[in-house]
N, C-alpha and C. Protein backbone atom coordinates (compact mmCIF):
# COMPACT_ATOMS: atom_id res chain seq x y z
N MET A 1 24.95 28.75 47.00
CA MET A 1 25.05 29.75 46.31
C MET A 1 23.53 30.44 46.20
N ARG A 2 23.16 31.87 45.56
CA ARG A 2 21.77 32.28 45.57
C ARG A 2 21.74 32.63 44.63
N ILE A 3 21.08 32.94 43.71
CA ILE A 3 20.51 33.18 42.40
C ILE A 3 19.24 33.58 42.15
N LEU A 4 19.21 34.82 41.16
CA LEU A 4 18.24 35.44 40.89
C LEU A 4 17.89 35.35 39.63
N LEU A 5 16.63 34.67 38.88
CA LEU A 5 16.42 34.45 37.52
C LEU A 5 15.04 35.58 37.41
N VAL A 6 15.56 36.62 36.10
CA VAL A 6 14.74 38.23 35.96
C VAL A 6 15.34 37.36 33.97
N ASP A 7 13.25 37.12 33.99
CA ASP A 7 13.24 36.79 32.57
C ASP A 7 11.20 36.29 32.80
N ASP A 8 10.97 37.38 31.46
CA ASP A 8 9.52 37.14 31.29
C ASP A 8 8.58 35.88 31.29
N SER A 9 9.27 35.17 31.01
CA SER A 9 9.11 33.90 30.49
C SER A 9 8.85 32.72 31.98
N SER A 10 7.48 32.48 32.47
CA SER A 10 7.96 31.48 33.48
C SER A 10 8.32 30.03 33.26
N THR A 11 8.00 29.55 31.58
CA THR A 11 8.49 28.30 31.20
C THR A 11 10.02 28.43 31.11
N MET A 12 10.57 29.38 30.48
CA MET A 12 12.02 29.68 30.73
C MET A 12 12.68 29.72 31.98
N ARG A 13 12.22 30.75 33.09
CA ARG A 13 12.61 30.53 34.63
C ARG A 13 12.11 29.00 35.01
N ARG A 14 11.32 28.37 34.67
CA ARG A 14 11.21 26.97 34.63
C ARG A 14 11.93 26.18 34.91
N ILE A 15 12.71 26.31 33.05
CA ILE A 15 13.45 25.41 32.80
C ILE A 15 14.83 25.51 33.79
N GLN A 16 15.25 27.26 33.88
CA GLN A 16 16.38 27.50 34.33
C GLN A 16 17.01 26.61 35.64
N LYS A 17 15.69 27.16 36.42
CA LYS A 17 15.27 26.78 37.86
C LYS A 17 15.64 24.59 38.10
N THR A 18 15.17 24.05 37.09
CA THR A 18 15.45 22.55 36.86
C THR A 18 16.48 22.68 36.64
N GLN A 19 17.18 22.99 35.65
CA GLN A 19 18.75 23.16 35.57
C GLN A 19 19.48 22.95 36.65
N LEU A 20 19.79 24.49 37.38
CA LEU A 20 20.28 24.78 38.59
C LEU A 20 19.97 24.19 39.38
N ASN A 21 18.17 23.08 40.19
CA ASN A 21 18.26 22.67 40.77
C ASN A 21 19.16 21.04 40.61
N ASN A 22 19.24 20.72 39.52
CA ASN A 22 20.00 19.47 39.14
C ASN A 22 21.18 19.26 39.42
N LEU A 23 22.06 21.09 39.13
CA LEU A 23 23.08 21.02 39.63
C LEU A 23 23.59 21.57 41.35
N GLY A 24 22.39 21.67 41.70
CA GLY A 24 22.35 21.20 43.43
C GLY A 24 22.65 22.62 43.81
N VAL A 25 21.86 23.48 42.96
CA VAL A 25 21.46 24.90 43.86
C VAL A 25 19.79 25.19 43.86
N THR A 26 19.57 25.44 44.79
CA THR A 26 18.48 25.51 45.43
C THR A 26 17.65 26.75 45.84
N ASP A 27 18.88 27.40 46.37
CA ASP A 27 18.51 28.95 46.78
C ASP A 27 18.00 30.09 45.47
N ILE A 28 16.92 30.20 44.86
CA ILE A 28 16.25 30.38 43.88
C ILE A 28 15.45 31.59 44.13
N PHE A 29 15.37 32.52 43.19
CA PHE A 29 14.91 33.88 43.42
C PHE A 29 14.22 34.25 41.92
N GLU A 30 13.11 34.32 41.67
CA GLU A 30 12.41 34.60 40.40
C GLU A 30 11.68 35.82 40.56
N ALA A 31 11.90 36.87 39.09
CA ALA A 31 11.32 38.06 38.81
C ALA A 31 10.72 37.77 37.12
N GLY A 32 10.06 38.29 37.01
CA GLY A 32 8.88 38.48 35.82
C GLY A 32 10.00 39.73 34.81
N ASN A 33 10.26 40.68 35.51
CA ASN A 33 10.86 41.59 34.69
C ASN A 33 11.88 42.09 35.43
N GLY A 34 12.76 43.70 34.89
CA GLY A 34 13.76 44.16 35.64
C GLY A 34 13.12 44.53 36.88
N GLU A 35 11.68 45.32 36.87
CA GLU A 35 11.54 46.32 38.24
C GLU A 35 11.12 45.13 39.28
N GLU A 36 10.46 43.86 39.33
CA GLU A 36 10.76 42.97 40.07
C GLU A 36 11.95 42.67 40.43
N GLY A 37 13.02 42.32 39.44
CA GLY A 37 14.21 41.93 39.75
C GLY A 37 14.67 43.07 41.07
N LEU A 38 14.69 44.09 40.78
CA LEU A 38 15.26 45.43 41.75
C LEU A 38 14.42 45.04 42.78
N GLU A 39 13.59 44.87 42.89
CA GLU A 39 12.38 44.88 44.57
C GLU A 39 13.07 43.79 44.95
N ILE A 40 13.33 42.75 44.20
CA ILE A 40 13.83 41.22 45.02
C ILE A 40 14.81 41.46 45.36
N LEU A 41 16.22 42.29 44.49
CA LEU A 41 17.33 42.37 44.58
C LEU A 41 17.49 43.46 46.16
N ALA A 42 16.82 44.42 45.95
CA ALA A 42 16.63 45.38 47.05
C ALA A 42 16.19 44.36 48.83
N ASN A 43 15.67 43.76 48.40
CA ASN A 43 14.99 43.12 49.72
C ASN A 43 15.69 41.62 50.22
N THR A 44 17.06 41.22 49.26
CA THR A 44 17.59 40.30 49.33
C THR A 44 18.91 40.10 49.43
N THR A 45 19.53 39.89 50.81
CA THR A 45 20.61 39.46 50.79
C THR A 45 21.82 38.56 50.29
N ALA A 46 23.39 39.16 49.82
CA ALA A 46 24.28 38.09 49.82
C ALA A 46 23.63 37.08 48.13
N LEU A 47 23.06 38.10 47.16
CA LEU A 47 23.07 37.23 46.07
C LEU A 47 24.32 37.19 45.26
N ASP A 48 24.34 35.91 44.82
CA ASP A 48 25.50 35.23 44.56
C ASP A 48 25.83 35.46 42.39
N TYR A 49 24.66 35.34 41.94
CA TYR A 49 24.29 35.42 40.09
C TYR A 49 22.98 36.37 40.06
N ILE A 50 23.06 36.79 38.84
CA ILE A 50 21.74 36.98 38.63
C ILE A 50 21.99 36.67 37.03
N LEU A 51 20.85 35.66 36.44
CA LEU A 51 20.74 35.44 35.41
C LEU A 51 19.37 35.72 34.80
N LEU A 52 19.88 37.02 33.56
CA LEU A 52 18.88 38.00 33.25
C LEU A 52 18.43 37.99 31.41
N ASP A 53 17.40 37.73 31.36
CA ASP A 53 16.75 37.65 29.83
C ASP A 53 16.74 39.83 29.72
N TRP A 54 17.25 40.30 28.25
CA TRP A 54 17.21 41.06 27.53
C TRP A 54 15.65 41.29 27.37
N ASN A 55 14.96 41.22 26.61
CA ASN A 55 13.64 41.44 26.32
C ASN A 55 12.51 41.30 27.38
N MET A 56 12.32 41.91 28.19
CA MET A 56 11.30 41.85 29.07
C MET A 56 10.31 43.14 28.85
N PRO A 57 8.89 42.65 29.55
CA PRO A 57 7.96 44.33 29.38
C PRO A 57 8.49 45.02 31.10
N VAL A 58 7.79 46.01 31.24
CA VAL A 58 8.06 47.13 32.18
C VAL A 58 9.20 47.87 32.06
N MET A 59 10.47 46.58 32.71
CA MET A 59 11.69 46.97 32.56
C MET A 59 12.77 46.08 31.96
N ASP A 60 13.25 46.38 31.23
CA ASP A 60 13.89 45.06 29.81
C ASP A 60 15.57 44.78 31.13
N GLY A 61 16.03 43.85 30.23
CA GLY A 61 17.25 43.30 30.91
C GLY A 61 18.60 44.40 31.01
N ILE A 62 18.56 45.16 29.98
CA ILE A 62 20.07 46.44 29.56
C ILE A 62 19.57 47.31 30.65
N THR A 63 18.59 47.54 30.75
CA THR A 63 18.14 48.72 31.39
C THR A 63 18.11 48.23 33.34
N PHE A 64 17.69 47.23 33.31
CA PHE A 64 17.80 46.45 34.89
C PHE A 64 19.56 46.35 35.29
N LEU A 65 20.13 45.50 34.48
CA LEU A 65 21.61 45.97 34.03
C LEU A 65 22.26 47.09 34.60
N LYS A 66 22.20 47.91 33.61
CA LYS A 66 22.72 49.07 33.87
C LYS A 66 22.27 50.25 35.39
N LYS A 67 21.13 49.55 35.85
CA LYS A 67 20.73 50.15 37.16
C LYS A 67 21.41 49.68 38.37
N VAL A 68 21.16 48.45 38.08
CA VAL A 68 22.21 47.11 39.03
C VAL A 68 24.20 47.84 39.13
N ARG A 69 24.26 47.77 38.06
CA ARG A 69 25.51 48.45 38.03
C ARG A 69 26.21 49.55 38.61
N GLY A 70 25.10 50.37 38.42
CA GLY A 70 24.97 51.99 39.04
C GLY A 70 24.87 51.84 40.44
N ASN A 71 24.70 51.16 40.82
CA ASN A 71 24.62 51.00 42.37
C ASN A 71 25.86 50.22 43.06
N GLY A 72 26.63 50.57 43.62
CA GLY A 72 27.58 49.56 43.86
C GLY A 72 27.28 48.81 45.20
N ALA A 73 26.47 49.06 46.28
CA ALA A 73 26.30 47.75 46.73
C ALA A 73 26.39 46.16 46.32
N TYR A 74 25.69 46.55 44.93
CA TYR A 74 25.63 45.05 43.87
C TYR A 74 26.99 45.03 43.20
N ALA A 75 27.87 45.58 43.64
CA ALA A 75 29.08 45.33 42.94
C ALA A 75 29.66 44.14 42.89
N GLY A 76 29.50 43.00 43.69
CA GLY A 76 29.98 41.33 44.22
C GLY A 76 29.25 40.68 43.47
N ILE A 77 28.16 40.82 43.05
CA ILE A 77 27.20 40.16 42.25
C ILE A 77 27.46 40.02 40.44
N LYS A 78 27.77 38.64 40.33
CA LYS A 78 27.70 38.38 39.19
C LYS A 78 26.41 38.33 38.11
N ILE A 79 26.30 39.36 36.93
CA ILE A 79 25.36 39.18 35.92
C ILE A 79 25.75 38.73 34.86
N ILE A 80 24.78 37.23 34.64
CA ILE A 80 24.64 36.72 32.99
C ILE A 80 23.98 36.98 32.83
N MET A 81 24.31 37.72 31.15
CA MET A 81 22.67 37.59 30.04
C MET A 81 22.66 36.70 29.89
N CYS A 82 21.42 35.86 29.65
CA CYS A 82 20.74 34.69 28.95
C CYS A 82 19.43 35.46 28.43
N THR A 83 19.81 35.23 26.78
CA THR A 83 18.74 35.82 25.82
C THR A 83 19.38 35.52 24.43
N SER A 84 18.20 35.38 23.86
CA SER A 84 18.47 35.24 22.36
C SER A 84 18.78 36.10 21.32
N GLU A 85 19.35 37.26 22.13
CA GLU A 85 19.62 38.48 21.68
C GLU A 85 21.59 37.96 21.32
N SER A 86 21.51 37.44 19.65
CA SER A 86 22.64 37.09 19.08
C SER A 86 23.28 37.95 18.87
N GLU A 87 23.31 39.14 18.26
CA GLU A 87 24.25 40.02 17.38
C GLU A 87 24.91 40.44 18.06
N LYS A 88 26.51 40.60 17.78
CA LYS A 88 27.47 41.05 18.53
C LYS A 88 27.34 42.54 18.96
N THR A 89 27.01 42.81 18.35
CA THR A 89 26.53 44.75 18.72
C THR A 89 25.92 44.54 20.35
N ARG A 90 25.15 43.54 20.17
CA ARG A 90 24.08 43.30 21.31
C ARG A 90 24.87 42.54 22.55
N VAL A 91 25.75 41.90 22.13
CA VAL A 91 26.60 41.55 23.28
C VAL A 91 27.80 42.10 23.88
N ILE A 92 28.14 42.85 23.05
CA ILE A 92 29.05 43.91 23.32
C ILE A 92 28.76 45.03 24.51
N GLU A 93 27.16 45.17 23.98
CA GLU A 93 26.49 46.29 24.88
C GLU A 93 26.39 46.00 25.95
N ALA A 94 25.68 44.41 25.66
CA ALA A 94 25.70 43.76 27.54
C ALA A 94 27.12 43.88 28.61
N LEU A 95 27.93 43.70 28.04
CA LEU A 95 29.26 43.79 28.57
C LEU A 95 29.85 44.69 28.95
N LYS A 96 29.63 45.66 27.76
CA LYS A 96 30.12 46.69 28.09
C LYS A 96 29.49 47.74 29.62
N SER A 97 28.53 47.31 29.47
CA SER A 97 26.95 48.02 30.26
C SER A 97 27.10 46.83 32.00
N GLY A 98 28.34 45.72 31.99
CA GLY A 98 28.58 45.56 33.20
C GLY A 98 28.48 44.31 33.47
N ALA A 99 27.92 43.12 32.40
CA ALA A 99 27.56 42.16 32.66
C ALA A 99 28.84 41.07 32.29
N ASN A 100 28.31 40.15 33.11
CA ASN A 100 29.89 39.25 33.25
C ASN A 100 30.07 38.23 32.55
N ASP A 101 28.96 37.74 32.15
CA ASP A 101 28.85 36.51 30.76
C ASP A 101 27.89 37.00 30.31
N TYR A 102 27.90 35.95 29.06
CA TYR A 102 26.51 36.47 28.16
C TYR A 102 26.39 34.90 27.62
N ILE A 103 25.17 34.13 27.72
CA ILE A 103 24.50 33.08 27.14
C ILE A 103 23.68 33.18 26.08
N ILE A 104 23.64 32.68 24.90
CA ILE A 104 22.29 32.78 24.14
C ILE A 104 21.42 31.33 24.03
N LYS A 105 20.34 31.79 24.03
CA LYS A 105 18.89 30.84 24.33
C LYS A 105 19.11 30.26 22.77
N PRO A 106 18.55 29.23 22.99
CA PRO A 106 18.46 28.17 23.86
C PRO A 106 19.75 27.50 24.39
N PHE A 107 19.99 27.04 25.65
CA PHE A 107 21.29 26.60 26.22
C PHE A 107 21.26 25.61 26.61
N THR A 108 22.44 25.24 26.71
CA THR A 108 22.74 23.61 27.59
C THR A 108 22.90 23.60 29.33
N PRO A 109 22.30 22.91 30.10
CA PRO A 109 22.89 22.63 31.39
C PRO A 109 24.32 22.89 30.93
N ASP A 110 24.73 22.50 30.58
CA ASP A 110 26.47 22.26 30.55
C ASP A 110 26.83 23.63 30.67
N ALA A 111 26.13 24.61 29.46
CA ALA A 111 26.73 25.74 29.27
C ALA A 111 26.53 26.95 31.07
N ILE A 112 25.47 26.45 31.51
CA ILE A 112 24.98 27.02 32.63
C ILE A 112 25.88 26.93 34.03
N LYS A 113 26.28 25.27 33.90
CA LYS A 113 27.28 24.86 34.82
C LYS A 113 28.30 25.70 34.52
N GLU A 114 29.30 26.08 32.95
CA GLU A 114 30.67 26.36 32.78
C GLU A 114 30.29 28.13 33.56
N LYS A 115 29.35 28.57 32.84
CA LYS A 115 29.31 29.99 33.78
C LYS A 115 29.34 30.46 34.71
N LEU A 116 28.51 29.31 35.62
CA LEU A 116 28.67 29.29 37.15
C LEU A 116 29.70 29.05 37.66
N LYS A 117 30.79 28.00 37.18
CA LYS A 117 31.98 27.53 37.62
C LYS A 117 31.80 26.35 38.98
N LEU A 118 30.59 25.65 38.68
CA LEU A 118 30.31 24.45 39.10
C LEU A 118 31.39 23.16 39.28
């Protein structure tokens, strides 16, 4: 399984990476904002999942999500929003924009395991 973490917090990426490693996932890419995420996506083949933060500088998560979903080449990648945005309207917006699932921070390793169906 190949996963891209897109989050401006290096601490959050480290936590997610550790959780994923503990679940046996080791093929992990990291980006600090949506622009970096798009660059990695363009230069990486066969990603399975993207764990995506909403609030980031340069390019936020919802803009990144819409750009990825606007490119048919990435249709098979599952995108899970991992964010502190917990308002129902935000969850609905993300799902309507193409997110496959939504996790509110902070979350447990079991929540990640469940969402990734490991």
